[in-house]
Amino acid sequence: MGTKNKTRLPIVSLGTETFTFGKYQGCTVDEVIMENAGYIMWLQGEHIVHFSQEILDRAEQLEPDQHRDYMLDNYAGYGDNF
């Protein structure tokens, strides 16, 4: 079985770097954080991209609110189980 080589790309600061891959190709880091902070956390956790602590802190701050809003938008009316 071969080993997967993942390149970690350094991203220095908010808003200055643009994604060149994936579903947010062409978007800035800041735009992705505002749209889907969980994606930033997933990329970091999978060691695909190395983000600065500033970016991670901002994503961690927004992620719970985005998840709540997603649940309310998509599952409202399905009971009080969440």
Protein backbone atom coordinates (compact mmCIF):
# COMPACT_ATOMS: atom_id res chain seq x y z
CA MET A 1 0.00 0.00 0.00
CA GLY A 2 1.42 3.39 -1.00
CA THR A 3 1.74 6.37 1.27
CA LYS A 4 -0.24 9.47 0.41
CA ASN A 5 1.90 12.59 0.26
CA LYS A 6 0.01 15.68 1.30
CA THR A 7 1.58 19.08 0.76
CA ARG A 8 0.90 21.55 3.54
CA LEU A 9 0.55 25.03 2.13
CA PRO A 10 1.44 27.94 4.42
CA ILE A 11 -1.25 30.59 4.62
CA VAL A 12 0.00 33.66 6.37
CA SER A 13 -2.86 36.08 6.95
CA LEU A 14 -6.58 36.61 6.49
CA GLY A 15 -7.91 37.70 3.14
CA THR A 16 -4.65 37.72 1.24
CA GLU A 17 -4.46 34.11 0.09
CA THR A 18 -6.75 32.56 -2.51
CA PHE A 19 -7.67 28.89 -2.63
CA THR A 20 -6.31 27.22 -5.77
CA PHE A 21 -8.08 23.91 -5.17
CA GLY A 22 -11.28 22.37 -3.89
CA LYS A 23 -14.82 23.61 -3.71
CA TYR A 24 -13.72 27.13 -2.74
CA GLN A 25 -11.21 27.55 -5.58
CA GLY A 26 -10.80 31.27 -6.32
CA CYS A 27 -12.13 32.42 -2.91
CA THR A 28 -10.01 34.16 -0.31
CA VAL A 29 -9.41 32.57 3.07
CA ASP A 30 -11.54 35.30 4.65
CA GLU A 31 -14.46 34.51 2.32
CA VAL A 32 -14.25 30.81 3.16
CA ILE A 33 -14.16 31.50 6.90
CA MET A 34 -17.30 33.60 6.60
CA GLU A 35 -19.05 30.96 4.47
CA ASN A 36 -17.85 27.71 6.06
CA ALA A 37 -15.42 27.95 8.98
CA GLY A 38 -15.67 24.18 9.45
CA TYR A 39 -13.94 23.67 6.11
CA ILE A 40 -10.92 25.60 7.41
CA MET A 41 -10.83 23.42 10.52
CA TRP A 42 -11.19 20.26 8.42
CA LEU A 43 -8.31 21.24 6.11
CA GLN A 44 -6.09 21.94 9.12
CA GLY A 45 -7.09 18.70 10.86
CA GLU A 46 -6.38 16.64 7.75
CA HIS A 47 -2.97 18.33 7.40
CA ILE A 48 -3.85 19.54 3.92
CA VAL A 49 -3.17 23.20 4.65
CA HIS A 50 -1.30 24.86 7.51
CA PHE A 51 -3.13 27.98 8.64
CA SER A 52 -1.84 30.73 10.89
CA GLN A 53 -3.15 30.82 14.46
CA GLU A 54 -5.06 34.02 13.61
CA ILE A 55 -7.04 32.17 10.93
CA LEU A 56 -7.70 29.17 13.17
CA ASP A 57 -8.89 31.37 16.03
CA ARG A 58 -11.32 33.18 13.75
CA ALA A 59 -12.65 29.94 12.25
CA GLU A 60 -13.10 28.38 15.70
CA GLN A 61 -15.05 31.43 16.82
CA LEU A 62 -17.47 31.34 13.86
CA GLU A 63 -17.90 27.58 13.42
CA PRO A 64 -20.47 26.94 16.20
CA ASP A 65 -22.74 29.75 14.99
CA GLN A 66 -22.54 28.53 11.39
CA HIS A 67 -23.41 24.99 12.47
CA ARG A 68 -26.39 26.24 14.49
CA ASP A 69 -27.62 28.35 11.59
CA TYR A 70 -27.26 25.39 9.20
CA MET A 71 -29.26 23.16 11.52
CA LEU A 72 -32.01 25.76 11.92
CA ASP A 73 -32.19 26.44 8.19
CA ASN A 74 -32.27 22.77 7.20
CA TYR A 75 -33.97 20.95 10.03
CA ALA A 76 -36.44 23.41 11.57
CA GLY A 77 -39.80 21.75 12.00
CA TYR A 78 -38.42 18.23 12.43
CA GLY A 79 -38.96 18.25 16.19
CA ASP A 80 -37.02 19.47 19.15
CA ASN A 81 -34.26 16.88 19.00
CA PHE A 82 -31.39 19.27 18.42
